[in-house]
Structure formats: C-alpha cells, structure tokens
C-alpha cells in the first residue's frame, strides 16, 4: 500500500483502489493516532495496523461516497476522491456521472464503490471487539455504525449524483444514544445490511460480490448470538430528550475529521489537525457528558 504518496503529488486525484492513498491519509492516520493515544493513557491495548488501517479506510470511503455531490461541485476545482480504477469503467470523466443520460452507469459505479467498502467490515468489527474502555469503544463504534448506515442509504441511490445524500438527524441521534455495546453494533449492522440487501439489483454487474459481502456481515452478526435481544431502531423509533444535543455533537465529530471540509491546510493533515480534533472532542465530551 502506498500511504500518502498520491495525496502529496495531487491531493484531489486517486488512481487505484489498492493504494487507498487519500483515505489512509485523512482517516487511517486519525484512527491510528487515537488508538495510540488511548494506549499511552493505559486505557487500551496497542492495536495493530492490520486493524486500525481497515477501520480508517472504511470510515473515509463511506465519507467520499456519501459526499460525492459536494466534492464534484467544489470550487474552483472539483475534488475527485473516487478511484480512477473504478469510475473509469463507467465514464470518461467523473462529472459525466451526474448527467441524467448516464444514470445507469452512475448507479453501477456507485454500487461498486459501496461494494468495495464492504470488504473492510469484518476487520472493523474485530477492531471494535478489542476495546476495554466503554467510552473509547462508543466513540469508534458510533463512527462505524453511521458509516455503514450511510453506505446502505447511498447504495443504488441516484440522488448521490443529483442533490447529495444526508442521513436523517433523527436516525443519527438514535445511533448515538443506543450504541453502547458490541451487541448494539451487531444489531445495527444487521439492520443496515438487511436494508442494503433489499436494494441489490441482480442485474448489477457486481451484485454477486455485493450480496456475498452483505451475507458475510450478517453471518458475523448472527454468530455473535446477540440478535435475539436486539430491538431495531430503524423499525421502532424511540424518543430521546437529548436528540438535539447528540445530533449536533455527532455531526461535529464526524465532519470535523476531514481537513478538506474544515479549512485546515492539507499540509497539516498528519500533525496539527489531530491535536485540534482531539481537544475538540474531549472538550465537547466534558461539556455535555
């Protein structure tokens, strides 16, 4: 894996899915740094890169899929974070996928992007299962669940190329409030994977791979033995007096970690932005909880 090389040379163009350069630079570094911070504090074990890297890649791939519309319409120049290896199968220019006449190819490209991200879910679950501190676990678990929910929402959804996609604030608030244990993670992943499975079109060229990866996620959840106790927050809504607060806080931590959307210079990606993020999260957590 070429970590960061392409980002340095051309920060808004990614060539192959094997390099994952952009995703590693802005998210895996974030995960690795936080994991080391918690280890130094004595709260957690030292996580291997084989777990922190896939977790970070999953988070950021979900982000660039969901935010395609924002990135492609960035001024003065579009930000292109979808790898050429995928989108070039479906268009000569990535922005061509936003045109109505290219809708079929746009959907196929989108579905392949989501399918590619699903390959990381097993490692993400293993990463979460090793946490010892409940608060630290919750921090990462919420990011995992919301990213998976974003993928389920985006899959086979042409609005990714038309107006952009946004997970409802109510659902994100419920995820924040109800994600406390690994059992909650398994339940949420099973819910979202079921939604994703229902959207798969067998005429899609990657349908078999998509279904295989969804079924692997669902098997992982079933094998946990915890689903019998799970009450779906997608089907059964539960009110919370704290929804406004947790939704605001959640948007803050999810979107703040992307330096390209916060005005943080790209050159500080591996240094200053991490300290800013760390302090922002800690301050918010102390203030509200």
C-alpha atoms as a PDB file:
ATOM      1  CA  UNK A   1       0.000   0.000   0.000  1.00  0.00           C
ATOM      2  CA  UNK A   2       1.389   3.399  -0.981  1.00  0.00           C
ATOM      3  CA  UNK A   3       0.466   5.505   2.001  1.00  0.00           C
ATOM      4  CA  UNK A   4       0.068   9.162   1.201  1.00  0.00           C
ATOM      5  CA  UNK A   5       2.236   9.288  -1.919  1.00  0.00           C
ATOM      6  CA  UNK A   6      -0.565  10.261  -4.290  1.00  0.00           C
ATOM      7  CA  UNK A   7      -2.012  12.744  -1.832  1.00  0.00           C
ATOM      8  CA  UNK A   8       1.260  14.622  -1.764  1.00  0.00           C
ATOM      9  CA  UNK A   9       1.507  14.757  -5.550  1.00  0.00           C
ATOM     10  CA  UNK A  10      -2.126  15.507  -6.391  1.00  0.00           C
ATOM     11  CA  UNK A  11      -4.387  15.794  -3.393  1.00  0.00           C
ATOM     12  CA  UNK A  12      -7.665  15.523  -5.315  1.00  0.00           C
ATOM     13  CA  UNK A  13      -6.992  12.580  -7.609  1.00  0.00           C
ATOM     14  CA  UNK A  14      -6.851   8.907  -6.685  1.00  0.00           C
ATOM     15  CA  UNK A  15      -5.803   6.266  -9.169  1.00  0.00           C
ATOM     16  CA  UNK A  16      -6.333   2.775  -7.736  1.00  0.00           C
ATOM     17  CA  UNK A  17      -8.364   1.051  -5.065  1.00  0.00           C
ATOM     18  CA  UNK A  18      -5.235  -0.775  -3.898  1.00  0.00           C
ATOM     19  CA  UNK A  19      -3.429   2.398  -2.875  1.00  0.00           C
ATOM     20  CA  UNK A  20      -6.282   3.964  -0.859  1.00  0.00           C
ATOM     21  CA  UNK A  21      -3.990   6.956  -0.535  1.00  0.00           C
ATOM     22  CA  UNK A  22      -6.450   9.700   0.288  1.00  0.00           C
ATOM     23  CA  UNK A  23      -8.453   7.515   2.633  1.00  0.00           C
ATOM     24  CA  UNK A  24      -5.365   6.467   4.537  1.00  0.00           C
ATOM     25  CA  UNK A  25      -4.022   9.998   4.842  1.00  0.00           C
ATOM     26  CA  UNK A  26      -7.149  11.594   6.299  1.00  0.00           C
ATOM     27  CA  UNK A  27      -8.749   8.789   8.275  1.00  0.00           C
ATOM     28  CA  UNK A  28      -6.497   5.823   8.995  1.00  0.00           C
ATOM     29  CA  UNK A  29      -3.894   8.172  10.436  1.00  0.00           C
ATOM     30  CA  UNK A  30      -6.655   9.597  12.599  1.00  0.00           C
ATOM     31  CA  UNK A  31      -7.640   6.140  13.874  1.00  0.00           C
ATOM     32  CA  UNK A  32      -4.046   5.035  14.456  1.00  0.00           C
ATOM     33  CA  UNK A  33      -3.202   8.229  16.325  1.00  0.00           C
ATOM     34  CA  UNK A  34      -6.218   7.958  18.598  1.00  0.00           C
ATOM     35  CA  UNK A  35      -5.581   4.272  19.237  1.00  0.00           C
ATOM     36  CA  UNK A  36      -2.008   5.077  20.285  1.00  0.00           C
ATOM     37  CA  UNK A  37      -3.222   7.927  22.455  1.00  0.00           C
ATOM     38  CA  UNK A  38      -5.594   5.629  24.331  1.00  0.00           C
ATOM     39  CA  UNK A  39      -2.850   3.012  24.664  1.00  0.00           C
ATOM     40  CA  UNK A  40      -0.420   5.534  26.140  1.00  0.00           C
ATOM     41  CA  UNK A  41      -3.083   6.579  28.642  1.00  0.00           C
ATOM     42  CA  UNK A  42      -3.304   2.946  29.775  1.00  0.00           C
ATOM     43  CA  UNK A  43      -6.937   2.582  28.719  1.00  0.00           C
ATOM     44  CA  UNK A  44      -6.429   0.244  25.766  1.00  0.00           C
ATOM     45  CA  UNK A  45      -4.133  -2.313  24.224  1.00  0.00           C
ATOM     46  CA  UNK A  46      -1.853  -1.280  21.357  1.00  0.00           C
ATOM     47  CA  UNK A  47      -3.868  -2.042  18.246  1.00  0.00           C
ATOM     48  CA  UNK A  48      -2.034  -3.411  15.206  1.00  0.00           C
ATOM     49  CA  UNK A  49      -2.099  -1.545  11.908  1.00  0.00           C
ATOM     50  CA  UNK A  50      -3.932  -4.513  10.422  1.00  0.00           C
ATOM     51  CA  UNK A  51      -6.993  -3.370  12.387  1.00  0.00           C
ATOM     52  CA  UNK A  52      -6.631   0.411  12.598  1.00  0.00           C
ATOM     53  CA  UNK A  53      -5.922   0.845   8.884  1.00  0.00           C
ATOM     54  CA  UNK A  54      -9.037  -1.014   7.608  1.00  0.00           C
ATOM     55  CA  UNK A  55     -11.183   0.837  10.131  1.00  0.00           C
ATOM     56  CA  UNK A  56      -9.923   4.193   8.907  1.00  0.00           C
ATOM     57  CA  UNK A  57     -10.265   3.194   5.272  1.00  0.00           C
ATOM     58  CA  UNK A  58     -13.867   2.138   5.852  1.00  0.00           C
ATOM     59  CA  UNK A  59     -14.754   5.450   7.513  1.00  0.00           C
ATOM     60  CA  UNK A  60     -13.262   7.587   4.797  1.00  0.00           C
ATOM     61  CA  UNK A  61     -14.545   5.523   1.886  1.00  0.00           C
ATOM     62  CA  UNK A  62     -18.017   5.933   3.320  1.00  0.00           C
ATOM     63  CA  UNK A  63     -17.385   9.654   3.563  1.00  0.00           C
ATOM     64  CA  UNK A  64     -16.238  10.136  -0.049  1.00  0.00           C
ATOM     65  CA  UNK A  65     -19.137   8.040  -1.344  1.00  0.00           C
ATOM     66  CA  UNK A  66     -21.735   9.985   0.616  1.00  0.00           C
ATOM     67  CA  UNK A  67     -20.197  13.390  -0.180  1.00  0.00           C
ATOM     68  CA  UNK A  68     -19.693  12.868  -3.913  1.00  0.00           C
ATOM     69  CA  UNK A  69     -22.054  15.719  -4.807  1.00  0.00           C
ATOM     70  CA  UNK A  70     -20.269  18.187  -2.537  1.00  0.00           C
ATOM     71  CA  UNK A  71     -16.838  17.180  -3.794  1.00  0.00           C
ATOM     72  CA  UNK A  72     -17.602  17.166  -7.514  1.00  0.00           C
ATOM     73  CA  UNK A  73     -19.139  20.641  -7.223  1.00  0.00           C
ATOM     74  CA  UNK A  74     -16.312  22.075  -5.162  1.00  0.00           C
ATOM     75  CA  UNK A  75     -14.988  25.404  -6.474  1.00  0.00           C
ATOM     76  CA  UNK A  76     -12.802  26.480  -8.091  1.00  0.00           C
ATOM     77  CA  UNK A  77     -11.974  22.856  -8.926  1.00  0.00           C
ATOM     78  CA  UNK A  78     -13.749  19.559  -8.349  1.00  0.00           C
ATOM     79  CA  UNK A  79     -12.332  17.259  -5.687  1.00  0.00           C
ATOM     80  CA  UNK A  80     -12.037  13.733  -7.062  1.00  0.00           C
ATOM     81  CA  UNK A  81     -11.670  11.053  -4.407  1.00  0.00           C
ATOM     82  CA  UNK A  82     -13.279   8.148  -6.236  1.00  0.00           C
ATOM     83  CA  UNK A  83     -10.504   5.960  -7.666  1.00  0.00           C
ATOM     84  CA  UNK A  84      -9.991   6.079 -11.410  1.00  0.00           C
ATOM     85  CA  UNK A  85      -9.744   2.284 -11.369  1.00  0.00           C
ATOM     86  CA  UNK A  86     -13.473   2.143 -10.617  1.00  0.00           C
ATOM     87  CA  UNK A  87     -15.143   5.181 -12.175  1.00  0.00           C
ATOM     88  CA  UNK A  88     -13.230   4.994 -15.478  1.00  0.00           C
ATOM     89  CA  UNK A  89     -15.175   1.793 -16.231  1.00  0.00           C
ATOM     90  CA  UNK A  90     -18.358   3.829 -16.387  1.00  0.00           C
ATOM     91  CA  UNK A  91     -17.411   7.292 -17.700  1.00  0.00           C
ATOM     92  CA  UNK A  92     -14.688   9.235 -19.479  1.00  0.00           C
ATOM     93  CA  UNK A  93     -14.972  11.984 -16.891  1.00  0.00           C
ATOM     94  CA  UNK A  94     -16.218  11.518 -13.348  1.00  0.00           C
ATOM     95  CA  UNK A  95     -18.575  14.502 -13.566  1.00  0.00           C
ATOM     96  CA  UNK A  96     -20.298  12.813 -16.527  1.00  0.00           C
ATOM     97  CA  UNK A  97     -21.965  10.547 -13.969  1.00  0.00           C
ATOM     98  CA  UNK A  98     -24.036  13.482 -12.762  1.00  0.00           C
ATOM     99  CA  UNK A  99     -25.815  13.771 -16.123  1.00  0.00           C
ATOM    100  CA  UNK A 100     -29.223  12.140 -16.416  1.00  0.00           C
ATOM    101  CA  UNK A 101     -28.350  10.268 -19.593  1.00  0.00           C
ATOM    102  CA  UNK A 102     -25.603   8.451 -17.678  1.00  0.00           C
ATOM    103  CA  UNK A 103     -27.794   7.386 -14.757  1.00  0.00           C
ATOM    104  CA  UNK A 104     -27.425   3.648 -15.329  1.00  0.00           C
ATOM    105  CA  UNK A 105     -23.646   3.799 -15.395  1.00  0.00           C
ATOM    106  CA  UNK A 106     -23.645   6.169 -12.422  1.00  0.00           C
ATOM    107  CA  UNK A 107     -25.582   3.674 -10.322  1.00  0.00           C
ATOM    108  CA  UNK A 108     -23.313   0.815 -11.339  1.00  0.00           C
ATOM    109  CA  UNK A 109     -20.254   2.859 -10.426  1.00  0.00           C
ATOM    110  CA  UNK A 110     -21.766   3.847  -7.088  1.00  0.00           C
ATOM    111  CA  UNK A 111     -22.687   0.265  -6.270  1.00  0.00           C
ATOM    112  CA  UNK A 112     -19.155  -0.900  -6.992  1.00  0.00           C
ATOM    113  CA  UNK A 113     -17.788   1.792  -4.688  1.00  0.00           C
ATOM    114  CA  UNK A 114     -20.083   0.653  -1.870  1.00  0.00           C
ATOM    115  CA  UNK A 115     -19.235  -3.000  -2.510  1.00  0.00           C
ATOM    116  CA  UNK A 116     -15.536  -2.201  -2.295  1.00  0.00           C
ATOM    117  CA  UNK A 117     -16.006  -0.520   1.097  1.00  0.00           C
ATOM    118  CA  UNK A 118     -17.924  -3.512   2.477  1.00  0.00           C
ATOM    119  CA  UNK A 119     -14.730  -5.591   2.315  1.00  0.00           C
ATOM    120  CA  UNK A 120     -13.452  -3.811   5.442  1.00  0.00           C
ATOM    121  CA  UNK A 121     -16.405  -4.500   7.745  1.00  0.00           C
ATOM    122  CA  UNK A 122     -15.051  -7.734   9.248  1.00  0.00           C
ATOM    123  CA  UNK A 123     -11.796  -6.072  10.331  1.00  0.00           C
ATOM    124  CA  UNK A 124     -13.770  -3.101  11.683  1.00  0.00           C
ATOM    125  CA  UNK A 125     -15.853  -5.382  13.898  1.00  0.00           C
ATOM    126  CA  UNK A 126     -12.727  -7.148  15.143  1.00  0.00           C
ATOM    127  CA  UNK A 127     -11.191  -3.766  15.945  1.00  0.00           C
ATOM    128  CA  UNK A 128     -14.220  -2.693  17.986  1.00  0.00           C
ATOM    129  CA  UNK A 129     -14.433  -6.008  19.847  1.00  0.00           C
ATOM    130  CA  UNK A 130     -10.999  -5.460  21.407  1.00  0.00           C
ATOM    131  CA  UNK A 131     -11.754  -2.238  23.266  1.00  0.00           C
ATOM    132  CA  UNK A 132     -11.799  -2.359  27.049  1.00  0.00           C
ATOM    133  CA  UNK A 133     -12.942   1.147  27.950  1.00  0.00           C
ATOM    134  CA  UNK A 134     -16.677   1.682  27.263  1.00  0.00           C
ATOM    135  CA  UNK A 135     -16.314   5.381  26.423  1.00  0.00           C
ATOM    136  CA  UNK A 136     -13.495   4.772  23.973  1.00  0.00           C
ATOM    137  CA  UNK A 137     -15.438   1.909  22.431  1.00  0.00           C
ATOM    138  CA  UNK A 138     -18.504   4.097  21.975  1.00  0.00           C
ATOM    139  CA  UNK A 139     -16.543   6.780  20.200  1.00  0.00           C
ATOM    140  CA  UNK A 140     -15.343   4.398  17.481  1.00  0.00           C
ATOM    141  CA  UNK A 141     -18.490   2.249  17.411  1.00  0.00           C
ATOM    142  CA  UNK A 142     -20.720   5.199  16.570  1.00  0.00           C
ATOM    143  CA  UNK A 143     -18.476   6.141  13.663  1.00  0.00           C
ATOM    144  CA  UNK A 144     -18.629   2.547  12.388  1.00  0.00           C
ATOM    145  CA  UNK A 145     -22.402   2.253  12.623  1.00  0.00           C
ATOM    146  CA  UNK A 146     -23.158   5.603  10.981  1.00  0.00           C
ATOM    147  CA  UNK A 147     -20.725   4.913   8.129  1.00  0.00           C
ATOM    148  CA  UNK A 148     -22.406   1.571   7.463  1.00  0.00           C
ATOM    149  CA  UNK A 149     -25.769   3.312   7.565  1.00  0.00           C
ATOM    150  CA  UNK A 150     -24.522   5.862   5.041  1.00  0.00           C
ATOM    151  CA  UNK A 151     -23.478   3.065   2.688  1.00  0.00           C
ATOM    152  CA  UNK A 152     -26.904   1.437   2.963  1.00  0.00           C
ATOM    153  CA  UNK A 153     -28.535   4.775   2.190  1.00  0.00           C
ATOM    154  CA  UNK A 154     -26.267   5.530  -0.759  1.00  0.00           C
ATOM    155  CA  UNK A 155     -26.367   2.128  -2.427  1.00  0.00           C
ATOM    156  CA  UNK A 156     -28.399   2.150  -5.669  1.00  0.00           C
ATOM    157  CA  UNK A 157     -29.461   5.730  -4.904  1.00  0.00           C
ATOM    158  CA  UNK A 158     -29.222   8.122  -7.848  1.00  0.00           C
ATOM    159  CA  UNK A 159     -29.567  11.105  -5.508  1.00  0.00           C
ATOM    160  CA  UNK A 160     -25.877  10.675  -4.686  1.00  0.00           C
ATOM    161  CA  UNK A 161     -25.312  12.251  -8.129  1.00  0.00           C
ATOM    162  CA  UNK A 162     -28.207  14.712  -8.100  1.00  0.00           C
ATOM    163  CA  UNK A 163     -28.597  16.533  -4.803  1.00  0.00           C
ATOM    164  CA  UNK A 164     -26.359  14.689  -2.373  1.00  0.00           C
ATOM    165  CA  UNK A 165     -27.217  12.343   0.469  1.00  0.00           C
ATOM    166  CA  UNK A 166     -27.767  13.103   4.119  1.00  0.00           C
ATOM    167  CA  UNK A 167     -28.675  10.611   6.825  1.00  0.00           C
ATOM    168  CA  UNK A 168     -31.619  11.878   8.873  1.00  0.00           C
ATOM    169  CA  UNK A 169     -30.720  13.665  12.062  1.00  0.00           C
ATOM    170  CA  UNK A 170     -33.250  11.588  13.978  1.00  0.00           C
ATOM    171  CA  UNK A 171     -31.649   8.317  12.937  1.00  0.00           C
ATOM    172  CA  UNK A 172     -28.165   9.552  13.742  1.00  0.00           C
ATOM    173  CA  UNK A 173     -29.351  10.704  17.147  1.00  0.00           C
ATOM    174  CA  UNK A 174     -30.746   7.239  17.827  1.00  0.00           C
ATOM    175  CA  UNK A 175     -27.471   5.656  16.761  1.00  0.00           C
ATOM    176  CA  UNK A 176     -25.591   7.911  19.149  1.00  0.00           C
ATOM    177  CA  UNK A 177     -27.905   7.248  22.067  1.00  0.00           C
ATOM    178  CA  UNK A 178     -28.285   3.492  21.556  1.00  0.00           C
ATOM    179  CA  UNK A 179     -24.773   2.426  20.518  1.00  0.00           C
ATOM    180  CA  UNK A 180     -23.173   1.399  23.789  1.00  0.00           C
ATOM    181  CA  UNK A 181     -22.037  -2.231  23.431  1.00  0.00           C
ATOM    182  CA  UNK A 182     -20.868  -4.733  20.820  1.00  0.00           C
ATOM    183  CA  UNK A 183     -24.386  -6.175  20.922  1.00  0.00           C
ATOM    184  CA  UNK A 184     -25.681  -2.790  19.750  1.00  0.00           C
ATOM    185  CA  UNK A 185     -23.121  -2.737  16.940  1.00  0.00           C
ATOM    186  CA  UNK A 186     -24.114  -6.218  15.748  1.00  0.00           C
ATOM    187  CA  UNK A 187     -27.785  -5.262  15.795  1.00  0.00           C
ATOM    188  CA  UNK A 188     -27.269  -2.024  13.906  1.00  0.00           C
ATOM    189  CA  UNK A 189     -25.052  -3.660  11.280  1.00  0.00           C
ATOM    190  CA  UNK A 190     -27.635  -6.388  10.789  1.00  0.00           C
ATOM    191  CA  UNK A 191     -30.383  -3.778  10.355  1.00  0.00           C
ATOM    192  CA  UNK A 192     -28.456  -1.753   7.809  1.00  0.00           C
ATOM    193  CA  UNK A 193     -27.155  -4.798   5.953  1.00  0.00           C
ATOM    194  CA  UNK A 194     -30.741  -6.042   5.592  1.00  0.00           C
ATOM    195  CA  UNK A 195     -31.731  -2.708   4.066  1.00  0.00           C
ATOM    196  CA  UNK A 196     -28.730  -2.854   1.761  1.00  0.00           C
ATOM    197  CA  UNK A 197     -29.570  -6.416   0.716  1.00  0.00           C
ATOM    198  CA  UNK A 198     -33.117  -5.413  -0.207  1.00  0.00           C
ATOM    199  CA  UNK A 199     -31.745  -2.782  -2.613  1.00  0.00           C
ATOM    200  CA  UNK A 200     -29.462  -5.076  -4.613  1.00  0.00           C
ATOM    201  CA  UNK A 201     -30.457  -5.412  -8.265  1.00  0.00           C
ATOM    202  CA  UNK A 202     -29.334  -8.776  -9.605  1.00  0.00           C
ATOM    203  CA  UNK A 203     -28.727  -7.127 -12.981  1.00  0.00           C
ATOM    204  CA  UNK A 204     -25.978  -5.055 -11.425  1.00  0.00           C
ATOM    205  CA  UNK A 205     -22.578  -6.355 -12.635  1.00  0.00           C
ATOM    206  CA  UNK A 206     -21.257  -6.534  -9.053  1.00  0.00           C
ATOM    207  CA  UNK A 207     -24.426  -7.929  -7.491  1.00  0.00           C
ATOM    208  CA  UNK A 208     -22.982 -11.333  -6.567  1.00  0.00           C
ATOM    209  CA  UNK A 209     -19.969  -9.779  -4.854  1.00  0.00           C
ATOM    210  CA  UNK A 210     -22.198  -7.286  -3.065  1.00  0.00           C
ATOM    211  CA  UNK A 211     -24.520  -9.994  -1.776  1.00  0.00           C
ATOM    212  CA  UNK A 212     -21.593 -12.164  -0.722  1.00  0.00           C
ATOM    213  CA  UNK A 213     -20.155  -9.341   1.375  1.00  0.00           C
ATOM    214  CA  UNK A 214     -23.534  -8.448   2.857  1.00  0.00           C
ATOM    215  CA  UNK A 215     -24.117 -12.078   3.814  1.00  0.00           C
ATOM    216  CA  UNK A 216     -20.680 -12.210   5.426  1.00  0.00           C
ATOM    217  CA  UNK A 217     -21.645  -9.223   7.588  1.00  0.00           C
ATOM    218  CA  UNK A 218     -24.986 -10.773   8.508  1.00  0.00           C
ATOM    219  CA  UNK A 219     -23.353 -14.095   9.392  1.00  0.00           C
ATOM    220  CA  UNK A 220     -20.916 -12.250  11.627  1.00  0.00           C
ATOM    221  CA  UNK A 221     -23.849 -10.602  13.389  1.00  0.00           C
ATOM    222  CA  UNK A 222     -25.848 -13.829  13.725  1.00  0.00           C
ATOM    223  CA  UNK A 223     -22.849 -15.753  15.014  1.00  0.00           C
ATOM    224  CA  UNK A 224     -22.497 -13.227  17.824  1.00  0.00           C
ATOM    225  CA  UNK A 225     -25.637 -14.742  19.363  1.00  0.00           C
ATOM    226  CA  UNK A 226     -26.931 -11.311  20.369  1.00  0.00           C
ATOM    227  CA  UNK A 227     -29.552 -10.511  17.723  1.00  0.00           C
ATOM    228  CA  UNK A 228     -32.380 -12.145  19.648  1.00  0.00           C
ATOM    229  CA  UNK A 229     -32.226  -9.264  22.130  1.00  0.00           C
ATOM    230  CA  UNK A 230     -31.908  -6.518  19.545  1.00  0.00           C
ATOM    231  CA  UNK A 231     -34.751  -4.031  19.113  1.00  0.00           C
ATOM    232  CA  UNK A 232     -34.361  -2.335  15.761  1.00  0.00           C
ATOM    233  CA  UNK A 233     -34.223   1.439  15.982  1.00  0.00           C
ATOM    234  CA  UNK A 234     -34.965   1.605  12.274  1.00  0.00           C
ATOM    235  CA  UNK A 235     -38.374  -0.024  12.658  1.00  0.00           C
ATOM    236  CA  UNK A 236     -39.234   1.089  16.182  1.00  0.00           C
ATOM    237  CA  UNK A 237     -38.456   4.733  16.895  1.00  0.00           C
ATOM    238  CA  UNK A 238     -37.752   5.829  20.435  1.00  0.00           C
ATOM    239  CA  UNK A 239     -37.787   9.456  21.532  1.00  0.00           C
ATOM    240  CA  UNK A 240     -34.902  10.979  23.392  1.00  0.00           C
ATOM    241  CA  UNK A 241     -34.814  14.191  25.375  1.00  0.00           C
ATOM    242  CA  UNK A 242     -31.222  14.617  24.266  1.00  0.00           C
ATOM    243  CA  UNK A 243     -31.618  14.196  20.498  1.00  0.00           C
ATOM    244  CA  UNK A 244     -30.824  17.764  19.527  1.00  0.00           C
ATOM    245  CA  UNK A 245     -27.623  17.722  21.545  1.00  0.00           C
ATOM    246  CA  UNK A 246     -26.326  14.367  20.414  1.00  0.00           C
ATOM    247  CA  UNK A 247     -27.123  15.069  16.760  1.00  0.00           C
ATOM    248  CA  UNK A 248     -25.188  18.324  16.848  1.00  0.00           C
ATOM    249  CA  UNK A 249     -22.268  16.676  18.643  1.00  0.00           C
ATOM    250  CA  UNK A 250     -22.259  13.748  16.251  1.00  0.00           C
ATOM    251  CA  UNK A 251     -22.177  15.942  13.158  1.00  0.00           C
ATOM    252  CA  UNK A 252     -19.290  17.788  14.760  1.00  0.00           C
ATOM    253  CA  UNK A 253     -17.029  14.769  15.274  1.00  0.00           C
ATOM    254  CA  UNK A 254     -17.858  13.030  12.003  1.00  0.00           C
ATOM    255  CA  UNK A 255     -17.332  16.004   9.696  1.00  0.00           C
ATOM    256  CA  UNK A 256     -14.542  17.722  11.610  1.00  0.00           C
ATOM    257  CA  UNK A 257     -12.004  14.984  10.946  1.00  0.00           C
ATOM    258  CA  UNK A 258     -11.906  15.734   7.202  1.00  0.00           C
ATOM    259  CA  UNK A 259      -9.416  18.602   6.769  1.00  0.00           C
ATOM    260  CA  UNK A 260     -10.625  19.358   3.241  1.00  0.00           C
ATOM    261  CA  UNK A 261     -14.033  20.387   4.614  1.00  0.00           C
ATOM    262  CA  UNK A 262     -12.893  22.438   7.568  1.00  0.00           C
ATOM    263  CA  UNK A 263     -10.328  24.797   6.125  1.00  0.00           C
ATOM    264  CA  UNK A 264      -7.410  23.004   7.772  1.00  0.00           C
ATOM    265  CA  UNK A 265      -4.455  23.149   5.357  1.00  0.00           C
ATOM    266  CA  UNK A 266      -3.643  19.827   3.705  1.00  0.00           C
ATOM    267  CA  UNK A 267      -0.029  20.133   4.864  1.00  0.00           C
ATOM    268  CA  UNK A 268      -1.164  19.774   8.473  1.00  0.00           C
ATOM    269  CA  UNK A 269      -3.106  16.536   7.885  1.00  0.00           C
ATOM    270  CA  UNK A 270      -0.698  14.328   9.828  1.00  0.00           C
ATOM    271  CA  UNK A 271       0.134  16.824  12.596  1.00  0.00           C
ATOM    272  CA  UNK A 272      -1.814  19.855  13.831  1.00  0.00           C
ATOM    273  CA  UNK A 273      -5.303  18.759  12.789  1.00  0.00           C
ATOM    274  CA  UNK A 274      -5.070  15.690  15.004  1.00  0.00           C
ATOM    275  CA  UNK A 275      -4.388  17.790  18.093  1.00  0.00           C
ATOM    276  CA  UNK A 276      -7.205  20.171  17.163  1.00  0.00           C
ATOM    277  CA  UNK A 277      -9.589  17.252  16.736  1.00  0.00           C
ATOM    278  CA  UNK A 278      -8.505  15.572  19.961  1.00  0.00           C
ATOM    279  CA  UNK A 279      -9.041  18.722  22.018  1.00  0.00           C
ATOM    280  CA  UNK A 280     -12.362  19.486  20.333  1.00  0.00           C
ATOM    281  CA  UNK A 281     -13.765  16.044  21.069  1.00  0.00           C
ATOM    282  CA  UNK A 282     -12.520  15.964  24.655  1.00  0.00           C
ATOM    283  CA  UNK A 283     -13.889  19.459  25.348  1.00  0.00           C
ATOM    284  CA  UNK A 284     -17.279  18.578  23.833  1.00  0.00           C
ATOM    285  CA  UNK A 285     -17.455  15.340  25.757  1.00  0.00           C
ATOM    286  CA  UNK A 286     -16.646  17.031  29.081  1.00  0.00           C
ATOM    287  CA  UNK A 287     -19.097  19.867  28.448  1.00  0.00           C
ATOM    288  CA  UNK A 288     -22.067  17.681  27.506  1.00  0.00           C
ATOM    289  CA  UNK A 289     -21.497  14.465  29.483  1.00  0.00           C
END
